[in-house]
Amino acid sequence: MDLQVYFKKIRAMEESLKDPSVVLVSLETPDGGRQGVRTEVPRRIAARMIVEGGARLATAEEAREFQEKKAEAKRQADQLAAASRMQFTVISPTELRKLKGVAPAGKE
């Protein structure tokens, strides 16, 4: 393998990619790579994976679906994080009456 040609291909592929991050779809590889897994990677990594034959660029539809799922997952994670920060305090009925300013019920 000629390393100059290899790196020239990677640079050319990287220059052809416009966005700073790219959605890729993995291809099946002999070393156990699974086909169809979508991921978002920087241009340099995307160029290398495409040149090496481990992935292909996602179509516009695939990229849109991936971004929608990513946004939904982020929204759910943010919601879960917000719920975990919520704090509760358990107080007795006597303490509640004191906070409300209501006189305690006397024995009659």
PDB file of N, CA and C in Angstrom:
ATOM      1  N   MET A   1       0.846  -1.166   0.000  1.00  0.00           N
ATOM      2  CA  MET A   1       0.000   0.000   0.000  1.00  0.00           C
ATOM      3  C   MET A   1       0.901   1.242   0.000  1.00  0.00           C
ATOM      4  N   ASP A   2       0.608   2.147  -0.897  1.00  0.00           N
ATOM      5  CA  ASP A   2       1.350   3.400  -0.990  1.00  0.00           C
ATOM      6  C   ASP A   2       0.703   4.404  -0.037  1.00  0.00           C
ATOM      7  N   LEU A   3       1.437   4.794   0.992  1.00  0.00           N
ATOM      8  CA  LEU A   3       0.881   5.680   2.009  1.00  0.00           C
ATOM      9  C   LEU A   3       0.565   7.070   1.462  1.00  0.00           C
ATOM     10  N   GLN A   4       1.348   7.523   0.497  1.00  0.00           N
ATOM     11  CA  GLN A   4       1.070   8.845  -0.072  1.00  0.00           C
ATOM     12  C   GLN A   4      -0.292   8.864  -0.765  1.00  0.00           C
ATOM     13  N   VAL A   5      -0.589   7.818  -1.517  1.00  0.00           N
ATOM     14  CA  VAL A   5      -1.880   7.719  -2.207  1.00  0.00           C
ATOM     15  C   VAL A   5      -3.003   7.601  -1.183  1.00  0.00           C
ATOM     16  N   TYR A   6      -2.783   6.792  -0.148  1.00  0.00           N
ATOM     17  CA  TYR A   6      -3.775   6.598   0.903  1.00  0.00           C
ATOM     18  C   TYR A   6      -4.146   7.922   1.559  1.00  0.00           C
ATOM     19  N   PHE A   7      -3.153   8.675   2.005  1.00  0.00           N
ATOM     20  CA  PHE A   7      -3.435   9.940   2.678  1.00  0.00           C
ATOM     21  C   PHE A   7      -3.950  11.003   1.723  1.00  0.00           C
ATOM     22  N   LYS A   8      -3.578  10.922   0.459  1.00  0.00           N
ATOM     23  CA  LYS A   8      -4.112  11.855  -0.535  1.00  0.00           C
ATOM     24  C   LYS A   8      -5.616  11.614  -0.710  1.00  0.00           C
ATOM     25  N   LYS A   9      -6.024  10.329  -0.723  1.00  0.00           N
ATOM     26  CA  LYS A   9      -7.446   9.995  -0.828  1.00  0.00           C
ATOM     27  C   LYS A   9      -8.213  10.518   0.384  1.00  0.00           C
ATOM     28  N   ILE A  10      -7.621  10.363   1.563  1.00  0.00           N
ATOM     29  CA  ILE A  10      -8.279  10.830   2.784  1.00  0.00           C
ATOM     30  C   ILE A  10      -8.423  12.348   2.751  1.00  0.00           C
ATOM     31  N   ARG A  11      -7.379  13.064   2.366  1.00  0.00           N
ATOM     32  CA  ARG A  11      -7.464  14.529   2.291  1.00  0.00           C
ATOM     33  C   ARG A  11      -8.495  14.971   1.265  1.00  0.00           C
ATOM     34  N   ALA A  12      -8.531  14.303   0.119  1.00  0.00           N
ATOM     35  CA  ALA A  12      -9.505  14.658  -0.916  1.00  0.00           C
ATOM     36  C   ALA A  12     -10.932  14.411  -0.434  1.00  0.00           C
ATOM     37  N   MET A  13     -11.147  13.298   0.250  1.00  0.00           N
ATOM     38  CA  MET A  13     -12.476  12.996   0.776  1.00  0.00           C
ATOM     39  C   MET A  13     -12.862  14.006   1.851  1.00  0.00           C
ATOM     40  N   GLU A  14     -11.915  14.362   2.715  1.00  0.00           N
ATOM     41  CA  GLU A  14     -12.192  15.323   3.776  1.00  0.00           C
ATOM     42  C   GLU A  14     -12.556  16.691   3.194  1.00  0.00           C
ATOM     43  N   GLU A  15     -11.879  17.091   2.133  1.00  0.00           N
ATOM     44  CA  GLU A  15     -12.182  18.376   1.498  1.00  0.00           C
ATOM     45  C   GLU A  15     -13.553  18.366   0.820  1.00  0.00           C
ATOM     46  N   SER A  16     -13.993  17.194   0.374  1.00  0.00           N
ATOM     47  CA  SER A  16     -15.301  17.111  -0.287  1.00  0.00           C
ATOM     48  C   SER A  16     -16.461  17.174   0.708  1.00  0.00           C
ATOM     49  N   LEU A  17     -16.183  16.890   1.979  1.00  0.00           N
ATOM     50  CA  LEU A  17     -17.209  16.947   3.015  1.00  0.00           C
ATOM     51  C   LEU A  17     -17.321  18.386   3.508  1.00  0.00           C
ATOM     52  N   LYS A  18     -18.507  18.927   3.482  1.00  0.00           N
ATOM     53  CA  LYS A  18     -18.713  20.345   3.802  1.00  0.00           C
ATOM     54  C   LYS A  18     -18.895  20.610   5.301  1.00  0.00           C
ATOM     55  N   ASP A  19     -19.710  19.817   5.952  1.00  0.00           N
ATOM     56  CA  ASP A  19     -20.042  20.064   7.359  1.00  0.00           C
ATOM     57  C   ASP A  19     -18.904  19.637   8.275  1.00  0.00           C
ATOM     58  N   PRO A  20     -18.785  20.272   9.459  1.00  0.00           N
ATOM     59  CA  PRO A  20     -17.740  19.865  10.410  1.00  0.00           C
ATOM     60  C   PRO A  20     -17.986  18.478  11.004  1.00  0.00           C
ATOM     61  N   SER A  21     -19.248  18.048  11.053  1.00  0.00           N
ATOM     62  CA  SER A  21     -19.553  16.686  11.483  1.00  0.00           C
ATOM     63  C   SER A  21     -20.469  16.043  10.443  1.00  0.00           C
ATOM     64  N   VAL A  22     -20.285  14.755  10.267  1.00  0.00           N
ATOM     65  CA  VAL A  22     -20.946  14.024   9.186  1.00  0.00           C
ATOM     66  C   VAL A  22     -21.634  12.792   9.757  1.00  0.00           C
ATOM     67  N   VAL A  23     -22.803  12.464   9.227  1.00  0.00           N
ATOM     68  CA  VAL A  23     -23.504  11.239   9.635  1.00  0.00           C
ATOM     69  C   VAL A  23     -23.077  10.126   8.679  1.00  0.00           C
ATOM     70  N   LEU A  24     -22.600   9.028   9.263  1.00  0.00           N
ATOM     71  CA  LEU A  24     -22.170   7.868   8.488  1.00  0.00           C
ATOM     72  C   LEU A  24     -23.049   6.667   8.800  1.00  0.00           C
ATOM     73  N   VAL A  25     -23.096   5.741   7.847  1.00  0.00           N
ATOM     74  CA  VAL A  25     -23.772   4.461   8.042  1.00  0.00           C
ATOM     75  C   VAL A  25     -22.705   3.397   7.879  1.00  0.00           C
ATOM     76  N   SER A  26     -22.554   2.549   8.885  1.00  0.00           N
ATOM     77  CA  SER A  26     -21.502   1.535   8.843  1.00  0.00           C
ATOM     78  C   SER A  26     -21.815   0.460   7.809  1.00  0.00           C
ATOM     79  N   LEU A  27     -20.749  -0.150   7.326  1.00  0.00           N
ATOM     80  CA  LEU A  27     -20.850  -1.267   6.383  1.00  0.00           C
ATOM     81  C   LEU A  27     -20.367  -2.525   7.090  1.00  0.00           C
ATOM     82  N   GLU A  28     -20.821  -3.666   6.621  1.00  0.00           N
ATOM     83  CA  GLU A  28     -20.351  -4.923   7.194  1.00  0.00           C
ATOM     84  C   GLU A  28     -18.885  -5.108   6.818  1.00  0.00           C
ATOM     85  N   THR A  29     -18.074  -5.458   7.812  1.00  0.00           N
ATOM     86  CA  THR A  29     -16.642  -5.659   7.561  1.00  0.00           C
ATOM     87  C   THR A  29     -16.232  -7.056   7.994  1.00  0.00           C
ATOM     88  N   PRO A  30     -15.142  -7.557   7.434  1.00  0.00           N
ATOM     89  CA  PRO A  30     -14.695  -8.912   7.791  1.00  0.00           C
ATOM     90  C   PRO A  30     -14.267  -9.053   9.252  1.00  0.00           C
ATOM     91  N   ASP A  31     -13.914  -7.941   9.893  1.00  0.00           N
ATOM     92  CA  ASP A  31     -13.478  -8.029  11.286  1.00  0.00           C
ATOM     93  C   ASP A  31     -14.628  -7.861  12.280  1.00  0.00           C
ATOM     94  N   GLY A  32     -15.865  -8.000  11.811  1.00  0.00           N
ATOM     95  CA  GLY A  32     -17.020  -8.000  12.712  1.00  0.00           C
ATOM     96  C   GLY A  32     -17.830  -6.729  12.734  1.00  0.00           C
ATOM     97  N   GLY A  33     -17.557  -5.789  11.853  1.00  0.00           N
ATOM     98  CA  GLY A  33     -18.333  -4.552  11.812  1.00  0.00           C
ATOM     99  C   GLY A  33     -19.774  -4.829  11.414  1.00  0.00           C
ATOM    100  N   ARG A  34     -20.717  -4.180  12.105  1.00  0.00           N
ATOM    101  CA  ARG A  34     -22.140  -4.383  11.824  1.00  0.00           C
ATOM    102  C   ARG A  34     -22.623  -3.378  10.798  1.00  0.00           C
ATOM    103  N   GLN A  35     -23.439  -3.828   9.911  1.00  0.00           N
ATOM    104  CA  GLN A  35     -23.978  -2.979   8.856  1.00  0.00           C
ATOM    105  C   GLN A  35     -25.174  -2.179   9.361  1.00  0.00           C
ATOM    106  N   GLY A  36     -25.269  -0.917   8.926  1.00  0.00           N
ATOM    107  CA  GLY A  36     -26.452  -0.118   9.186  1.00  0.00           C
ATOM    108  C   GLY A  36     -26.437   0.725  10.444  1.00  0.00           C
ATOM    109  N   VAL A  37     -25.353   0.727  11.195  1.00  0.00           N
ATOM    110  CA  VAL A  37     -25.281   1.536  12.405  1.00  0.00           C
ATOM    111  C   VAL A  37     -24.942   2.970  12.002  1.00  0.00           C
ATOM    112  N   ARG A  38     -25.781   3.917  12.450  1.00  0.00           N
ATOM    113  CA  ARG A  38     -25.563   5.325  12.104  1.00  0.00           C
ATOM    114  C   ARG A  38     -24.836   6.022  13.241  1.00  0.00           C
ATOM    115  N   THR A  39     -23.928   6.910  12.862  1.00  0.00           N
ATOM    116  CA  THR A  39     -23.193   7.668  13.859  1.00  0.00           C
ATOM    117  C   THR A  39     -22.765   9.002  13.278  1.00  0.00           C
ATOM    118  N   GLU A  40     -22.511   9.959  14.154  1.00  0.00           N
ATOM    119  CA  GLU A  40     -22.055  11.273  13.724  1.00  0.00           C
ATOM    120  C   GLU A  40     -20.600  11.425  14.152  1.00  0.00           C
ATOM    121  N   VAL A  41     -19.735  11.753  13.203  1.00  0.00           N
ATOM    122  CA  VAL A  41     -18.301  11.855  13.473  1.00  0.00           C
ATOM    123  C   VAL A  41     -17.743  13.123  12.822  1.00  0.00           C
ATOM    124  N   PRO A  42     -16.558  13.568  13.273  1.00  0.00           N
ATOM    125  CA  PRO A  42     -15.902  14.696  12.608  1.00  0.00           C
ATOM    126  C   PRO A  42     -15.489  14.344  11.179  1.00  0.00           C
ATOM    127  N   ARG A  43     -15.287  15.378  10.368  1.00  0.00           N
ATOM    128  CA  ARG A  43     -14.940  15.169   8.947  1.00  0.00           C
ATOM    129  C   ARG A  43     -13.727  14.280   8.758  1.00  0.00           C
ATOM    130  N   ARG A  44     -12.670  14.498   9.542  1.00  0.00           N
ATOM    131  CA  ARG A  44     -11.427  13.733   9.363  1.00  0.00           C
ATOM    132  C   ARG A  44     -11.667  12.234   9.567  1.00  0.00           C
ATOM    133  N   ILE A  45     -12.394  11.888  10.604  1.00  0.00           N
ATOM    134  CA  ILE A  45     -12.681  10.475  10.882  1.00  0.00           C
ATOM    135  C   ILE A  45     -13.604   9.908   9.807  1.00  0.00           C
ATOM    136  N   ALA A  46     -14.602  10.701   9.405  1.00  0.00           N
ATOM    137  CA  ALA A  46     -15.515  10.247   8.354  1.00  0.00           C
ATOM    138  C   ALA A  46     -14.753   9.948   7.072  1.00  0.00           C
ATOM    139  N   ALA A  47     -13.837  10.829   6.693  1.00  0.00           N
ATOM    140  CA  ALA A  47     -13.057  10.618   5.468  1.00  0.00           C
ATOM    141  C   ALA A  47     -12.253   9.325   5.559  1.00  0.00           C
ATOM    142  N   ARG A  48     -11.614   9.095   6.708  1.00  0.00           N
ATOM    143  CA  ARG A  48     -10.822   7.881   6.872  1.00  0.00           C
ATOM    144  C   ARG A  48     -11.694   6.628   6.801  1.00  0.00           C
ATOM    145  N   MET A  49     -12.864   6.651   7.450  1.00  0.00           N
ATOM    146  CA  MET A  49     -13.732   5.477   7.445  1.00  0.00           C
ATOM    147  C   MET A  49     -14.278   5.186   6.049  1.00  0.00           C
ATOM    148  N   ILE A  50     -14.588   6.238   5.301  1.00  0.00           N
ATOM    149  CA  ILE A  50     -15.094   6.037   3.942  1.00  0.00           C
ATOM    150  C   ILE A  50     -14.005   5.476   3.045  1.00  0.00           C
ATOM    151  N   VAL A  51     -12.805   6.037   3.122  1.00  0.00           N
ATOM    152  CA  VAL A  51     -11.689   5.562   2.286  1.00  0.00           C
ATOM    153  C   VAL A  51     -11.338   4.118   2.621  1.00  0.00           C
ATOM    154  N   GLU A  52     -11.384   3.772   3.898  1.00  0.00           N
ATOM    155  CA  GLU A  52     -11.048   2.408   4.305  1.00  0.00           C
ATOM    156  C   GLU A  52     -12.175   1.414   4.029  1.00  0.00           C
ATOM    157  N   GLY A  53     -13.363   1.898   3.670  1.00  0.00           N
ATOM    158  CA  GLY A  53     -14.467   1.006   3.321  1.00  0.00           C
ATOM    159  C   GLY A  53     -15.267   0.511   4.509  1.00  0.00           C
ATOM    160  N   GLY A  54     -15.141   1.173   5.658  1.00  0.00           N
ATOM    161  CA  GLY A  54     -15.878   0.755   6.841  1.00  0.00           C
ATOM    162  C   GLY A  54     -17.229   1.430   6.979  1.00  0.00           C
ATOM    163  N   ALA A  55     -17.452   2.484   6.180  1.00  0.00           N
ATOM    164  CA  ALA A  55     -18.710   3.220   6.286  1.00  0.00           C
ATOM    165  C   ALA A  55     -18.971   3.969   4.984  1.00  0.00           C
ATOM    166  N   ARG A  56     -20.192   4.454   4.874  1.00  0.00           N
ATOM    167  CA  ARG A  56     -20.575   5.285   3.732  1.00  0.00           C
ATOM    168  C   ARG A  56     -21.316   6.495   4.269  1.00  0.00           C
ATOM    169  N   LEU A  57     -21.395   7.543   3.460  1.00  0.00           N
ATOM    170  CA  LEU A  57     -22.161   8.717   3.855  1.00  0.00           C
ATOM    171  C   LEU A  57     -23.637   8.371   3.936  1.00  0.00           C
ATOM    172  N   ALA A  58     -24.304   8.913   4.928  1.00  0.00           N
ATOM    173  CA  ALA A  58     -25.738   8.696   5.056  1.00  0.00           C
ATOM    174  C   ALA A  58     -26.463   9.548   4.021  1.00  0.00           C
ATOM    175  N   THR A  59     -27.566   9.029   3.528  1.00  0.00           N
ATOM    176  CA  THR A  59     -28.387   9.824   2.618  1.00  0.00           C
ATOM    177  C   THR A  59     -29.016  10.959   3.423  1.00  0.00           C
ATOM    178  N   ALA A  60     -29.587  11.932   2.745  1.00  0.00           N
ATOM    179  CA  ALA A  60     -30.220  13.059   3.428  1.00  0.00           C
ATOM    180  C   ALA A  60     -31.343  12.577   4.352  1.00  0.00           C
ATOM    181  N   GLU A  61     -32.099  11.601   3.898  1.00  0.00           N
ATOM    182  CA  GLU A  61     -33.203  11.052   4.706  1.00  0.00           C
ATOM    183  C   GLU A  61     -32.660  10.342   5.955  1.00  0.00           C
ATOM    184  N   GLU A  62     -31.612   9.525   5.780  1.00  0.00           N
ATOM    185  CA  GLU A  62     -31.011   8.821   6.914  1.00  0.00           C
ATOM    186  C   GLU A  62     -30.429   9.809   7.921  1.00  0.00           C
ATOM    187  N   ALA A  63     -29.774  10.847   7.429  1.00  0.00           N
ATOM    188  CA  ALA A  63     -29.183  11.851   8.308  1.00  0.00           C
ATOM    189  C   ALA A  63     -30.276  12.596   9.073  1.00  0.00           C
ATOM    190  N   ARG A  64     -31.378  12.939   8.410  1.00  0.00           N
ATOM    191  CA  ARG A  64     -32.470  13.639   9.058  1.00  0.00           C
ATOM    192  C   ARG A  64     -33.077  12.779  10.169  1.00  0.00           C
ATOM    193  N   GLU A  65     -33.321  11.496   9.880  1.00  0.00           N
ATOM    194  CA  GLU A  65     -33.870  10.583  10.883  1.00  0.00           C
ATOM    195  C   GLU A  65     -32.926  10.462  12.081  1.00  0.00           C
ATOM    196  N   PHE A  66     -31.621  10.356  11.788  1.00  0.00           N
ATOM    197  CA  PHE A  66     -30.632  10.248  12.857  1.00  0.00           C
ATOM    198  C   PHE A  66     -30.658  11.489  13.739  1.00  0.00           C
ATOM    199  N   GLN A  67     -30.710  12.676  13.127  1.00  0.00           N
ATOM    200  CA  GLN A  67     -30.721  13.923  13.888  1.00  0.00           C
ATOM    201  C   GLN A  67     -31.994  14.039  14.728  1.00  0.00           C
ATOM    202  N   GLU A  68     -33.131  13.598  14.180  1.00  0.00           N
ATOM    203  CA  GLU A  68     -34.385  13.630  14.940  1.00  0.00           C
ATOM    204  C   GLU A  68     -34.308  12.716  16.157  1.00  0.00           C
ATOM    205  N   LYS A  69     -33.785  11.495  15.965  1.00  0.00           N
ATOM    206  CA  LYS A  69     -33.655  10.563  17.088  1.00  0.00           C
ATOM    207  C   LYS A  69     -32.670  11.101  18.121  1.00  0.00           C
ATOM    208  N   LYS A  70     -31.607  11.726  17.646  1.00  0.00           N
ATOM    209  CA  LYS A  70     -30.605  12.297  18.547  1.00  0.00           C
ATOM    210  C   LYS A  70     -31.228  13.426  19.376  1.00  0.00           C
ATOM    211  N   ALA A  71     -32.013  14.283  18.738  1.00  0.00           N
ATOM    212  CA  ALA A  71     -32.666  15.387  19.440  1.00  0.00           C
ATOM    213  C   ALA A  71     -33.671  14.859  20.472  1.00  0.00           C
ATOM    214  N   GLU A  72     -34.423  13.832  20.109  1.00  0.00           N
ATOM    215  CA  GLU A  72     -35.391  13.241  21.029  1.00  0.00           C
ATOM    216  C   GLU A  72     -34.675  12.600  22.222  1.00  0.00           C
ATOM    217  N   ALA A  73     -33.572  11.899  21.970  1.00  0.00           N
ATOM    218  CA  ALA A  73     -32.811  11.280  23.053  1.00  0.00           C
ATOM    219  C   ALA A  73     -32.235  12.345  23.984  1.00  0.00           C
ATOM    220  N   LYS A  74     -31.767  13.444  23.429  1.00  0.00           N
ATOM    221  CA  LYS A  74     -31.238  14.535  24.251  1.00  0.00           C
ATOM    222  C   LYS A  74     -32.346  15.149  25.097  1.00  0.00           C
ATOM    223  N   ARG A  75     -33.520  15.347  24.510  1.00  0.00           N
ATOM    224  CA  ARG A  75     -34.631  15.906  25.253  1.00  0.00           C
ATOM    225  C   ARG A  75     -35.011  15.008  26.429  1.00  0.00           C
ATOM    226  N   GLN A  76     -35.060  13.689  26.184  1.00  0.00           N
ATOM    227  CA  GLN A  76     -35.402  12.745  27.248  1.00  0.00           C
ATOM    228  C   GLN A  76     -34.322  12.729  28.333  1.00  0.00           C
ATOM    229  N   ALA A  77     -33.053  12.790  27.931  1.00  0.00           N
ATOM    230  CA  ALA A  77     -31.960  12.802  28.906  1.00  0.00           C
ATOM    231  C   ALA A  77     -32.006  14.069  29.748  1.00  0.00           C
ATOM    232  N   ASP A  78     -32.288  15.212  29.119  1.00  0.00           N
ATOM    233  CA  ASP A  78     -32.400  16.465  29.854  1.00  0.00           C
ATOM    234  C   ASP A  78     -33.566  16.421  30.834  1.00  0.00           C
ATOM    235  N   GLN A  79     -34.678  15.837  30.403  1.00  0.00           N
ATOM    236  CA  GLN A  79     -35.854  15.728  31.259  1.00  0.00           C
ATOM    237  C   GLN A  79     -35.559  14.817  32.453  1.00  0.00           C
ATOM    238  N   LEU A  80     -34.871  13.716  32.213  1.00  0.00           N
ATOM    239  CA  LEU A  80     -34.509  12.794  33.290  1.00  0.00           C
ATOM    240  C   LEU A  80     -33.540  13.463  34.263  1.00  0.00           C
ATOM    241  N   ALA A  81     -32.588  14.215  33.732  1.00  0.00           N
ATOM    242  CA  ALA A  81     -31.634  14.916  34.593  1.00  0.00           C
ATOM    243  C   ALA A  81     -32.354  15.956  35.449  1.00  0.00           C
ATOM    244  N   ALA A  82     -33.298  16.671  34.865  1.00  0.00           N
ATOM    245  CA  ALA A  82     -34.055  17.669  35.622  1.00  0.00           C
ATOM    246  C   ALA A  82     -34.886  16.990  36.710  1.00  0.00           C
ATOM    247  N   ALA A  83     -35.468  15.852  36.400  1.00  0.00           N
ATOM    248  CA  ALA A  83     -36.277  15.129  37.390  1.00  0.00           C
ATOM    249  C   ALA A  83     -35.409  14.617  38.533  1.00  0.00           C
ATOM    250  N   SER A  84     -34.188  14.236  38.241  1.00  0.00           N
ATOM    251  CA  SER A  84     -33.318  13.720  39.298  1.00  0.00           C
ATOM    252  C   SER A  84     -32.822  14.837  40.214  1.00  0.00           C
ATOM    253  N   ARG A  85     -32.854  16.086  39.743  1.00  0.00           N
ATOM    254  CA  ARG A  85     -32.429  17.206  40.574  1.00  0.00           C
ATOM    255  C   ARG A  85     -33.552  17.710  41.482  1.00  0.00           C
ATOM    256  N   MET A  86     -34.782  17.289  41.240  1.00  0.00           N
ATOM    257  CA  MET A  86     -35.903  17.739  42.037  1.00  0.00           C
ATOM    258  C   MET A  86     -35.774  17.156  43.444  1.00  0.00           C
ATOM    259  N   GLN A  87     -35.953  18.013  44.446  1.00  0.00           N
ATOM    260  CA  GLN A  87     -35.785  17.570  45.822  1.00  0.00           C
ATOM    261  C   GLN A  87     -37.121  17.643  46.561  1.00  0.00           C
ATOM    262  N   PHE A  88     -37.321  16.696  47.438  1.00  0.00           N
ATOM    263  CA  PHE A  88     -38.520  16.632  48.246  1.00  0.00           C
ATOM    264  C   PHE A  88     -38.126  16.600  49.716  1.00  0.00           C
ATOM    265  N   THR A  89     -38.958  17.201  50.540  1.00  0.00           N
ATOM    266  CA  THR A  89     -38.760  17.140  51.972  1.00  0.00           C
ATOM    267  C   THR A  89     -40.032  16.590  52.589  1.00  0.00           C
ATOM    268  N   VAL A  90     -39.870  15.590  53.411  1.00  0.00           N
ATOM    269  CA  VAL A  90     -41.010  14.984  54.089  1.00  0.00           C
ATOM    270  C   VAL A  90     -41.098  15.609  55.473  1.00  0.00           C
ATOM    271  N   ILE A  91     -42.272  16.146  55.780  1.00  0.00           N
ATOM    272  CA  ILE A  91     -42.469  16.762  57.100  1.00  0.00           C
ATOM    273  C   ILE A  91     -43.690  16.147  57.765  1.00  0.00           C
ATOM    274  N   SER A  92     -43.691  16.248  59.067  1.00  0.00           N
ATOM    275  CA  SER A  92     -44.814  15.695  59.830  1.00  0.00           C
ATOM    276  C   SER A  92     -45.994  16.659  59.763  1.00  0.00           C
ATOM    277  N   PRO A  93     -47.192  16.179  60.085  1.00  0.00           N
ATOM    278  CA  PRO A  93     -48.366  17.068  60.097  1.00  0.00           C
ATOM    279  C   PRO A  93     -48.203  18.246  61.058  1.00  0.00           C
ATOM    280  N   THR A  94     -47.531  18.024  62.194  1.00  0.00           N
ATOM    281  CA  THR A  94     -47.308  19.098  63.156  1.00  0.00           C
ATOM    282  C   THR A  94     -46.447  20.198  62.534  1.00  0.00           C
ATOM    283  N   GLU A  95     -45.376  19.800  61.868  1.00  0.00           N
ATOM    284  CA  GLU A  95     -44.504  20.778  61.216  1.00  0.00           C
ATOM    285  C   GLU A  95     -45.243  21.520  60.110  1.00  0.00           C
ATOM    286  N   LEU A  96     -46.131  20.842  59.408  1.00  0.00           N
ATOM    287  CA  LEU A  96     -46.909  21.477  58.353  1.00  0.00           C
ATOM    288  C   LEU A  96     -47.817  22.561  58.923  1.00  0.00           C
ATOM    289  N   ARG A  97     -48.458  22.244  60.048  1.00  0.00           N
ATOM    290  CA  ARG A  97     -49.328  23.242  60.683  1.00  0.00           C
ATOM    291  C   ARG A  97     -48.517  24.455  61.138  1.00  0.00           C
ATOM    292  N   LYS A  98     -47.315  24.215  61.643  1.00  0.00           N
ATOM    293  CA  LYS A  98     -46.462  25.325  62.073  1.00  0.00           C
ATOM    294  C   LYS A  98     -46.096  26.205  60.875  1.00  0.00           C
ATOM    295  N   LEU A  99     -45.792  25.588  59.763  1.00  0.00           N
ATOM    296  CA  LEU A  99     -45.440  26.346  58.568  1.00  0.00           C
ATOM    297  C   LEU A  99     -46.615  27.145  58.038  1.00  0.00           C
ATOM    298  N   LYS A 100     -47.794  26.577  58.135  1.00  0.00           N
ATOM    299  CA  LYS A 100     -48.994  27.276  57.663  1.00  0.00           C
ATOM    300  C   LYS A 100     -49.434  28.359  58.640  1.00  0.00           C
ATOM    301  N   GLY A 101     -48.966  28.291  59.857  1.00  0.00           N
ATOM    302  CA  GLY A 101     -49.348  29.277  60.859  1.00  0.00           C
ATOM    303  C   GLY A 101     -50.668  28.953  61.515  1.00  0.00           C
ATOM    304  N   VAL A 102     -51.127  27.748  61.402  1.00  0.00           N
ATOM    305  CA  VAL A 102     -52.385  27.327  62.000  1.00  0.00           C
ATOM    306  C   VAL A 102     -52.088  26.830  63.408  1.00  0.00           C
ATOM    307  N   ALA A 103     -52.905  27.212  64.327  1.00  0.00           N
ATOM    308  CA  ALA A 103     -52.738  26.750  65.709  1.00  0.00           C
ATOM    309  C   ALA A 103     -52.990  25.263  65.760  1.00  0.00           C
ATOM    310  N   PRO A 104     -52.215  24.541  66.537  1.00  0.00           N
ATOM    311  CA  PRO A 104     -52.417  23.104  66.645  1.00  0.00           C
ATOM    312  C   PRO A 104     -53.767  22.793  67.274  1.00  0.00           C
ATOM    313  N   ALA A 105     -54.331  21.707  66.815  1.00  0.00           N
ATOM    314  CA  ALA A 105     -55.636  21.301  67.341  1.00  0.00           C
ATOM    315  C   ALA A 105     -55.437  20.822  68.770  1.00  0.00           C
ATOM    316  N   GLY A 106     -56.170  21.444  69.681  1.00  0.00           N
ATOM    317  CA  GLY A 106     -56.046  21.081  71.091  1.00  0.00           C
ATOM    318  C   GLY A 106     -56.901  19.876  71.437  1.00  0.00           C
ATOM    319  N   LYS A 107     -56.597  19.316  72.601  1.00  0.00           N
ATOM    320  CA  LYS A 107     -57.400  18.171  73.057  1.00  0.00           C
ATOM    321  C   LYS A 107     -58.661  18.695  73.702  1.00  0.00           C
ATOM    322  N   GLU A 108     -59.734  18.173  73.323  1.00  0.00           N
ATOM    323  CA  GLU A 108     -61.013  18.598  73.876  1.00  0.00           C
ATOM    324  C   GLU A 108     -61.723  17.490  74.535  1.00  0.00           C
TER     325      GLU A 108
END
